Every structure is written in structure tokens, then in C-alpha cells.
Amino acid sequence: MATLTLAQIRVQLDQIVGEYDARFAGQSRVTRDINDLDALVRRAEQLQRALGELPRSKDRTDTEQTLRDLVTLYGNERVEIKKAQNLGPEFEEFSSLRGDANFVFSQYHRHFAGKNRATRDLGLLTEMIADLERVHDAMTELAAAVAGQPGVQDDLKLVADNLVMYRGERGEIIEARGIGSLDDQAGALAEVANAQFRIYADHFAGKSRTTRRPELLQRMIDTLEQVRERMVAVRAQGLRVDYNEQNITIVEQSLGTYRTELVEIRNARQITRITDLQGQLGGAANDIFEAYRKEFAGHDRRTRDLEKLSSICDQLGEVGRQMASLGAFEPTDQNSRNLRIVTDQRVLFEREYTMIEDAKAQAIH
């Protein structure tokens, strides 16, 4: 085999780091495959040997140190993964619940933290509260079995504290929509409606009906019905402006479209076998991965669109939710593998969101 140049070694080193970040960084240790980590270590060791054949230089010394640090890091991570996996099935389940909670926290960060409360999606927040309540109940049931393990009580408290915050946030959103002039209230309602239209464009328009989650569309319909009711109430209170009248008409037309689409989605899913639907969800996930690669992989983070990435995170979350639900009803090996891949990618995408935020903030300063 030809001797690698220092530049080629650095390229391969970057590839190893990228694969580690995608497969291990921020992921639940309980679910990691040690064989994958061992393969990364072997590749790093091969690069160490290749470096030994090159003339000595400062760049070579720096790269050697980086590789030594990586081999040490990966070796330590291997030990921690083994420890986590030896704690038993209860801790594995608890670790999975911890991951579910983190997804809800990320969703809150993207959609609610620091945002105008009057324009926030109450239906989404209600769904997030229900998700976190399920996580908290399941964690509580497992608490005795995993008592004494690191972080268990801290995780329980974190979930409980966030539940309190989210429930309080819900009341604050309702209150905020009634504050301000009638014109302000109508403007906020228009933003809420526009957010639902964006969800429809991202999650439903042009997509296979069988892979769409009916509950999401029903949530959107419920939200738009509430918006329409409030727009009409604002009009009754004295706001007589063309834009509010036009918005009422647009919301009513959209409601008609969404109700029809909901019937079509339910009909399509009823005639589709669960195993076929699981396979189609795998295809939907691949489409989302491709959208991420096209828009974000290898690009300058300072130039990336956070709203677009947030939508990608939400779309993949919808696929993962359906895979988990169908897998509980009719488990298959393929669906389980697909769900693991989707879960890993969700962690990666959510982490990328915060890294883009950081890059944009640093660019400003």
C-alpha cells in the first residue's frame, strides 16, 4: 500500500472524528455498539502507524498527539459503554426515557424559549406535556430498580421541573393572547395560523398520505378552530379591519382542506399493512436525511437557516414517533433498526441546531 501523505492522514482523521460524533457523541451509551467504536480505534491506530513512516515535523507531531488523544478518549468511552450496558435492562429502559426527555427539551428550546408567548403553538405544547408526563411516569416506575445509579434522581427532578415550567407556560400563552390592543391580538392570531400553514407545507404537502400522522393534522385543525374562534371574537369586540376578515376566510378555507385531507390520510392508512407502513416510514426518513445533507452537511454554520433545520428535526421526530408506536404494536427487526438510526440522527440534528446557534452568535460578536 502506498504511503499516505500527512494531508491524506488528516482527511481520514477528520472522517473518524465525524463518525464518532455522529454515532457516539451525545448518544445513550446503553444503545451503542462497541464493535463500531473498536473499528474507529483500529482506523486511528492505522493512521498512527502511517504517521510513523513520515519525516518528523511539527505538523506530524501535532497530528500524532491528536490521534493519541482520540485513542485514549475512545478507550475510555468503551469502558463507560460496557459499564452502562452491564447495569441491566431496567437501566437501559431508563436511559431510553432520558433520551425521550431530551428530545422534548430540545423541542421546547426551538419553539418556545425566548419567543413571543402570544404566538406560540398551544397544541404542540400540550403534546409535549403529554410526552413528558409519560416519560416521568415511566421513570418513576423504574426508579426503585435503578436506584443508586448515577444521575437517576437528577434526571427525575429535571423532568419534573420542566413539567412544572411547561404547564405554567401553557397558562401564560393563553393569557398573553388576550393582552394588548385588538389589533395586536389579531396580529398574534395571524402568526399562529401562519405557523400551522407552515407545518402543513413541511409535513403534508406533496408527501405520501400513508406516512403522515393523523394526530398531528388533527392537532393543527384544533388549533385553527381555536384561532378562528378568537379572530371572530376580536371582530365582535370592535376590530373591523379587512386583514382580519381576510384571515378568517383563509383559516376557514384551510380548515376545509385539512379536514378533507385528514379523512384521506386515515383511509390510506387503514388499507396499508403495518409492515408495509414501517417500510414506507423508513423511506420517509431517508428523504429527510437527504434534505439535511443537502442543506446542512459541510456548509458554513453561520449561513444556515435555523427554521429549516427546526422543521427537519420535527419531521424526523414525527417519523420516529410513528416507528415507535407501530413497533410496540407489531415489532419487526427492520423497524427496530430503522428506529435506532432515526433516533441517532435526531440527536445529531438537535446538536447541530445548537452549534449553528452558537456559530451565528459568535459571528455577531
Protein backbone atom coordinates (compact mmCIF):
# COMPACT_ATOMS: atom_id res chain seq x y z
CA MET A 1 0.00 0.00 0.00
CA ALA A 2 1.30 3.46 -0.90
CA THR A 3 2.43 5.65 1.96
CA LEU A 4 -0.20 8.19 2.99
CA THR A 5 0.68 11.86 2.95
CA LEU A 6 0.12 14.00 6.02
CA ALA A 7 -2.79 15.71 4.25
CA GLN A 8 -4.42 12.35 3.49
CA ILE A 9 -3.98 11.25 7.10
CA ARG A 10 -5.66 14.42 8.31
CA VAL A 11 -8.60 13.86 5.96
CA GLN A 12 -9.07 10.33 7.32
CA LEU A 13 -8.67 11.63 10.87
CA ASP A 14 -11.48 14.12 10.27
CA GLN A 15 -13.63 11.29 8.92
CA ILE A 16 -13.07 9.25 12.09
CA VAL A 17 -13.95 12.23 14.28
CA GLY A 18 -17.08 12.88 12.22
CA GLU A 19 -18.22 9.26 12.51
CA TYR A 20 -17.61 9.28 16.26
CA ASP A 21 -19.62 12.48 16.64
CA ALA A 22 -22.48 11.00 14.62
CA ARG A 23 -22.56 7.60 16.33
CA PHE A 24 -21.46 8.27 19.89
CA ALA A 25 -21.34 11.93 20.96
CA GLY A 26 -24.50 12.77 22.90
CA GLN A 27 -25.97 9.30 22.39
CA SER A 28 -27.16 6.91 25.08
CA ARG A 29 -24.24 4.64 25.99
CA VAL A 30 -26.64 1.79 26.63
CA THR A 31 -27.60 1.68 22.95
CA ARG A 32 -24.10 1.98 21.46
CA ASP A 33 -22.37 -0.85 19.57
CA ILE A 34 -18.86 -1.41 20.94
CA ASN A 35 -17.84 -3.08 17.68
CA ASP A 36 -18.37 0.25 15.90
CA LEU A 37 -16.17 2.01 18.44
CA ASP A 38 -13.48 -0.68 18.15
CA ALA A 39 -13.47 -0.19 14.39
CA LEU A 40 -12.82 3.53 14.85
CA VAL A 41 -9.95 2.76 17.23
CA ARG A 42 -8.39 0.38 14.70
CA ARG A 43 -8.57 3.02 12.00
CA ALA A 44 -6.97 5.58 14.32
CA GLU A 45 -4.18 3.14 15.15
CA GLN A 46 -3.58 2.52 11.44
CA LEU A 47 -3.17 6.25 10.98
CA GLN A 48 -0.70 6.32 13.87
CA ARG A 49 1.40 3.70 12.10
CA ALA A 50 1.18 5.62 8.82
CA LEU A 51 2.39 8.77 10.56
CA GLY A 52 5.44 6.89 11.81
CA GLU A 53 6.59 6.45 8.21
CA LEU A 54 6.65 10.21 7.54
CA PRO A 55 9.52 12.64 8.17
CA ARG A 56 9.41 14.34 11.54
CA SER A 57 7.84 17.80 11.63
CA LYS A 58 5.74 19.95 13.91
CA ASP A 59 2.59 19.15 11.91
CA ARG A 60 3.30 15.42 12.20
CA THR A 61 3.86 15.77 15.98
CA ASP A 62 0.59 17.69 16.42
CA THR A 63 -1.34 15.08 14.43
CA GLU A 64 0.25 12.26 16.43
CA GLN A 65 -0.88 13.92 19.64
CA THR A 66 -4.42 14.31 18.29
CA LEU A 67 -4.53 10.61 17.40
CA ARG A 68 -3.19 9.59 20.82
CA ASP A 69 -5.86 11.71 22.47
CA LEU A 70 -8.54 10.11 20.29
CA VAL A 71 -7.42 6.56 21.04
CA THR A 72 -7.44 7.39 24.76
CA LEU A 73 -10.86 9.05 24.54
CA TYR A 74 -12.37 6.15 22.63
CA GLY A 75 -10.83 3.64 25.03
CA ASN A 76 -12.35 5.45 28.00
CA GLU A 77 -15.69 5.65 26.21
CA ARG A 78 -15.54 1.91 25.60
CA VAL A 79 -15.21 1.33 29.35
CA GLU A 80 -18.15 3.61 30.10
CA ILE A 81 -20.32 1.92 27.46
CA LYS A 82 -19.58 -1.50 28.96
CA LYS A 83 -20.46 -0.21 32.42
CA ALA A 84 -23.76 1.21 31.21
CA GLN A 85 -24.68 -1.94 29.33
CA ASN A 86 -23.91 -4.13 32.35
CA LEU A 87 -26.40 -2.28 34.54
CA GLY A 88 -29.32 -4.35 33.28
CA PRO A 89 -32.49 -3.90 31.22
CA GLU A 90 -34.10 -1.51 33.71
CA PHE A 91 -31.25 0.98 33.35
CA GLU A 92 -31.37 0.53 29.57
CA GLU A 93 -35.05 1.46 29.61
CA PHE A 94 -34.37 4.39 31.93
CA SER A 95 -31.62 5.59 29.60
CA SER A 96 -34.00 5.43 26.66
CA LEU A 97 -36.52 7.53 28.59
CA ARG A 98 -33.79 10.04 29.33
CA GLY A 99 -33.28 10.36 25.57
CA ASP A 100 -37.02 10.88 25.04
CA ALA A 101 -36.99 13.65 27.63
CA ASN A 102 -34.03 15.33 25.95
CA PHE A 103 -35.92 15.43 22.66
CA VAL A 104 -38.80 17.26 24.38
CA PHE A 105 -36.36 19.70 25.98
CA SER A 106 -34.83 20.38 22.56
CA GLN A 107 -38.26 20.91 21.08
CA TYR A 108 -39.07 23.43 23.78
CA HIS A 109 -35.81 25.25 23.13
CA ARG A 110 -36.51 25.51 19.41
CA HIS A 111 -40.17 26.50 19.61
CA PHE A 112 -40.74 28.31 22.91
CA ALA A 113 -37.63 29.59 24.70
CA GLY A 114 -37.31 33.34 24.25
CA LYS A 115 -40.26 33.50 21.82
CA ASN A 116 -43.35 35.72 21.94
CA ARG A 117 -45.80 33.73 24.06
CA ALA A 118 -48.87 35.09 22.27
CA THR A 119 -47.77 33.44 19.01
CA ARG A 120 -46.77 30.02 20.37
CA ASP A 121 -48.42 26.73 19.39
CA LEU A 122 -50.59 25.58 22.30
CA GLY A 123 -51.37 22.27 20.61
CA LEU A 124 -47.67 21.46 20.30
CA LEU A 125 -47.01 22.41 23.92
CA THR A 126 -49.92 20.26 25.10
CA GLU A 127 -48.49 17.31 23.17
CA MET A 128 -45.05 17.93 24.65
CA ILE A 129 -46.53 17.98 28.16
CA ALA A 130 -48.24 14.65 27.50
CA ASP A 131 -44.95 13.19 26.20
CA LEU A 132 -43.05 14.38 29.26
CA GLU A 133 -45.75 13.10 31.61
CA ARG A 134 -45.39 9.66 30.03
CA VAL A 135 -41.61 9.83 30.47
CA HIS A 136 -41.94 10.95 34.10
CA ASP A 137 -44.43 8.19 34.95
CA ALA A 138 -42.24 5.52 33.34
CA MET A 139 -39.09 6.86 35.04
CA THR A 140 -40.86 6.86 38.39
CA GLU A 141 -41.85 3.22 37.95
CA LEU A 142 -38.23 2.30 37.23
CA ALA A 143 -36.71 4.49 39.94
CA ALA A 144 -36.53 1.77 42.59
CA ALA A 145 -34.90 -0.71 40.20
CA VAL A 146 -32.19 1.75 39.15
CA ALA A 147 -31.76 3.50 42.50
CA GLY A 148 -28.15 4.32 43.21
CA GLN A 149 -27.15 4.56 39.55
CA PRO A 150 -25.53 7.84 38.52
CA GLY A 151 -27.86 10.66 37.54
CA VAL A 152 -31.15 8.87 38.18
CA GLN A 153 -32.52 11.26 40.81
CA ASP A 154 -31.19 14.27 38.94
CA ASP A 155 -32.96 13.11 35.77
CA LEU A 156 -36.24 12.60 37.61
CA LYS A 157 -36.03 16.08 39.11
CA LEU A 158 -35.15 17.64 35.77
CA VAL A 159 -38.18 16.07 34.09
CA ALA A 160 -40.47 17.07 36.96
CA ASP A 161 -39.16 20.66 36.96
CA ASN A 162 -39.66 21.00 33.22
CA LEU A 163 -43.20 19.66 33.52
CA VAL A 164 -43.98 22.39 36.02
CA MET A 165 -42.47 25.01 33.71
CA TYR A 166 -44.33 23.77 30.61
CA ARG A 167 -47.68 23.69 32.42
CA GLY A 168 -47.09 27.22 33.62
CA GLU A 169 -46.09 28.27 30.13
CA ARG A 170 -49.36 26.98 28.78
CA GLY A 171 -51.33 29.30 31.05
CA GLU A 172 -49.07 32.22 30.17
CA ILE A 173 -49.64 31.68 26.45
CA ILE A 174 -53.41 31.70 26.91
CA GLU A 175 -53.15 34.87 28.98
CA ALA A 176 -50.79 36.57 26.51
CA ARG A 177 -53.24 36.15 23.64
CA GLY A 178 -55.73 38.37 25.44
CA ILE A 179 -53.25 41.15 26.20
CA GLY A 180 -52.71 44.24 24.06
CA SER A 181 -54.88 46.09 21.61
CA LEU A 182 -57.36 44.25 19.44
CA ASP A 183 -55.02 44.90 16.51
CA ASP A 184 -52.13 43.29 18.45
CA GLN A 185 -54.27 40.30 19.30
CA ALA A 186 -55.34 39.84 15.69
CA GLY A 187 -51.73 40.06 14.55
CA ALA A 188 -50.65 37.37 17.02
CA LEU A 189 -53.51 35.13 15.89
CA ALA A 190 -52.39 35.55 12.28
CA GLU A 191 -48.90 34.39 13.28
CA VAL A 192 -50.35 31.33 15.00
CA ALA A 193 -52.34 30.49 11.86
CA ASN A 194 -49.32 31.01 9.60
CA ALA A 195 -47.32 28.60 11.76
CA GLN A 196 -49.95 25.92 11.13
CA PHE A 197 -49.81 26.60 7.40
CA ARG A 198 -46.02 26.12 7.50
CA ILE A 199 -46.44 22.81 9.33
CA TYR A 200 -48.83 21.67 6.63
CA ALA A 201 -46.41 22.69 3.88
CA ASP A 202 -43.49 20.91 5.57
CA HIS A 203 -45.23 17.78 6.84
CA PHE A 204 -48.12 17.10 4.46
CA ALA A 205 -47.98 18.88 1.10
CA GLY A 206 -46.68 16.51 -1.54
CA LYS A 207 -45.98 13.74 0.98
CA SER A 208 -47.27 10.16 0.98
CA ARG A 209 -50.51 10.05 2.97
CA THR A 210 -49.69 6.69 4.49
CA THR A 211 -46.62 8.07 6.29
CA ARG A 212 -48.40 11.11 7.75
CA ARG A 213 -49.53 11.05 11.38
CA PRO A 214 -53.28 11.76 11.62
CA GLU A 215 -52.93 13.04 15.18
CA LEU A 216 -50.65 15.83 14.01
CA LEU A 217 -53.16 17.04 11.43
CA GLN A 218 -55.97 16.80 14.00
CA ARG A 219 -53.86 18.91 16.37
CA MET A 220 -53.48 21.52 13.64
CA ILE A 221 -57.21 21.51 12.93
CA ASP A 222 -57.96 22.01 16.63
CA THR A 223 -55.50 24.91 16.74
CA LEU A 224 -57.00 26.62 13.69
CA GLU A 225 -60.52 26.19 15.07
CA GLN A 226 -59.40 27.99 18.23
CA VAL A 227 -57.71 30.69 16.13
CA ARG A 228 -60.84 31.23 14.06
CA GLU A 229 -62.95 31.47 17.21
CA ARG A 230 -60.62 34.13 18.66
CA MET A 231 -60.49 36.07 15.37
CA VAL A 232 -64.28 36.20 15.32
CA ALA A 233 -64.31 37.27 18.98
CA VAL A 234 -61.85 40.09 18.24
CA ARG A 235 -64.16 41.24 15.45
CA ALA A 236 -67.14 41.14 17.80
CA GLN A 237 -65.19 43.29 20.25
CA GLY A 238 -64.90 46.05 17.67
CA LEU A 239 -61.98 45.31 15.33
CA ARG A 240 -63.34 45.99 11.86
CA VAL A 241 -60.38 45.71 9.52
CA ASP A 242 -60.02 43.99 6.17
CA TYR A 243 -56.97 41.91 7.09
CA ASN A 244 -58.75 40.20 9.98
CA GLU A 245 -61.73 39.40 7.75
CA GLN A 246 -59.37 38.01 5.11
CA ASN A 247 -57.57 35.95 7.74
CA ILE A 248 -60.84 34.46 8.95
CA THR A 249 -61.65 33.43 5.38
CA ILE A 250 -58.20 31.90 4.85
CA VAL A 251 -58.41 29.94 8.10
CA GLU A 252 -61.89 28.65 7.22
CA GLN A 253 -60.71 27.54 3.77
CA SER A 254 -57.65 25.83 5.25
CA LEU A 255 -59.81 24.05 7.81
CA GLY A 256 -61.91 22.64 4.99
CA THR A 257 -58.80 21.41 3.17
CA TYR A 258 -57.26 19.90 6.30
CA ARG A 259 -60.44 18.09 7.34
CA THR A 260 -60.71 16.52 3.89
CA GLU A 261 -57.04 15.56 3.97
CA LEU A 262 -57.41 14.00 7.40
CA VAL A 263 -60.12 11.68 6.09
CA GLU A 264 -57.91 10.72 3.13
CA ILE A 265 -54.92 10.02 5.38
CA ARG A 266 -56.93 7.81 7.71
CA ASN A 267 -58.41 5.92 4.76
CA ALA A 268 -54.97 5.39 3.21
CA ARG A 269 -53.51 4.08 6.46
CA GLN A 270 -56.42 1.72 7.08
CA ILE A 271 -55.73 -0.20 3.87
CA THR A 272 -51.95 -0.35 4.40
CA ARG A 273 -50.38 -3.28 6.25
CA ILE A 274 -48.37 -2.31 9.31
CA THR A 275 -45.20 -3.92 7.99
CA ASP A 276 -45.60 -2.01 4.71
CA LEU A 277 -46.14 1.21 6.62
CA GLN A 278 -42.99 0.56 8.65
CA GLY A 279 -41.03 0.20 5.43
CA GLN A 280 -42.54 3.38 3.99
CA LEU A 281 -41.57 5.27 7.14
CA GLY A 282 -38.00 4.12 6.55
CA GLY A 283 -38.19 5.67 3.10
CA ALA A 284 -39.61 8.90 4.57
CA ALA A 285 -36.68 9.02 7.00
CA ASN A 286 -34.21 8.64 4.11
CA ASP A 287 -35.82 11.62 2.36
CA ILE A 288 -35.31 13.72 5.50
CA PHE A 289 -31.68 12.59 5.80
CA GLU A 290 -31.11 13.68 2.21
CA ALA A 291 -32.69 17.08 2.88
CA TYR A 292 -30.33 17.52 5.82
CA ARG A 293 -27.28 16.53 3.79
CA LYS A 294 -28.23 18.94 1.03
CA GLU A 295 -28.89 21.94 3.25
CA PHE A 296 -26.52 21.49 6.20
CA ALA A 297 -23.74 18.92 5.81
CA GLY A 298 -20.44 20.61 5.00
CA HIS A 299 -21.87 24.15 4.95
CA ASP A 300 -20.73 27.16 6.94
CA ARG A 301 -22.92 27.05 10.06
CA ARG A 302 -23.16 30.84 10.16
CA THR A 303 -25.10 30.80 6.88
CA ARG A 304 -27.60 28.06 7.70
CA ASP A 305 -31.36 28.54 8.20
CA LEU A 306 -32.36 27.56 11.75
CA GLU A 307 -36.07 27.46 10.93
CA LYS A 308 -35.40 24.97 8.15
CA LEU A 309 -33.33 22.77 10.48
CA SER A 310 -36.02 23.01 13.15
CA SER A 311 -38.54 21.74 10.61
CA ILE A 312 -36.23 18.86 9.69
CA CYS A 313 -35.91 17.97 13.38
CA ASP A 314 -39.69 17.99 13.74
CA GLN A 315 -40.25 15.93 10.60
CA LEU A 316 -37.81 13.27 11.76
CA GLY A 317 -39.44 13.33 15.19
CA GLU A 318 -42.77 12.55 13.53
CA VAL A 319 -41.25 9.57 11.73
CA GLY A 320 -39.62 8.32 14.93
CA ARG A 321 -42.85 8.67 16.89
CA GLN A 322 -44.71 6.56 14.35
CA MET A 323 -41.95 3.93 14.16
CA ALA A 324 -42.02 3.56 17.95
CA SER A 325 -45.81 3.32 18.03
CA LEU A 326 -46.00 0.74 15.23
CA GLY A 327 -43.08 -1.20 16.69
CA ALA A 328 -44.88 -1.53 20.01
CA PHE A 329 -47.93 -2.91 18.18
CA GLU A 330 -46.10 -5.18 15.71
CA PRO A 331 -42.33 -5.37 16.34
CA THR A 332 -40.00 -6.24 13.47
CA ASP A 333 -36.21 -6.31 13.32
CA GLN A 334 -36.14 -3.90 10.39
CA ASN A 335 -38.33 -1.33 12.12
CA SER A 336 -36.22 -1.59 15.28
CA ARG A 337 -33.05 -0.96 13.25
CA ASN A 338 -34.68 1.95 11.45
CA LEU A 339 -35.83 3.47 14.73
CA ARG A 340 -32.31 3.30 16.15
CA ILE A 341 -30.97 5.08 13.07
CA VAL A 342 -33.68 7.74 13.26
CA THR A 343 -33.03 8.26 16.98
CA ASP A 344 -29.29 8.65 16.40
CA GLN A 345 -29.88 11.15 13.61
CA ARG A 346 -32.32 13.14 15.74
CA VAL A 347 -29.61 13.56 18.38
CA LEU A 348 -27.19 14.68 15.68
CA PHE A 349 -29.65 17.16 14.15
CA GLU A 350 -30.61 18.67 17.52
CA ARG A 351 -26.94 19.09 18.41
CA GLU A 352 -26.31 20.71 15.03
CA TYR A 353 -29.11 23.18 15.77
CA THR A 354 -27.35 24.42 18.92
CA MET A 355 -23.99 24.54 17.12
CA ILE A 356 -25.48 26.72 14.38
CA GLU A 357 -26.98 28.97 17.05
CA ASP A 358 -23.55 29.29 18.67
CA ALA A 359 -21.85 29.99 15.34
CA LYS A 360 -24.34 32.74 14.50
CA ALA A 361 -23.97 34.29 17.96
CA GLN A 362 -20.17 34.31 17.67
CA ALA A 363 -20.39 35.89 14.21
CA ILE A 364 -22.39 38.78 15.67
CA HIS A 365 -19.75 39.44 18.31
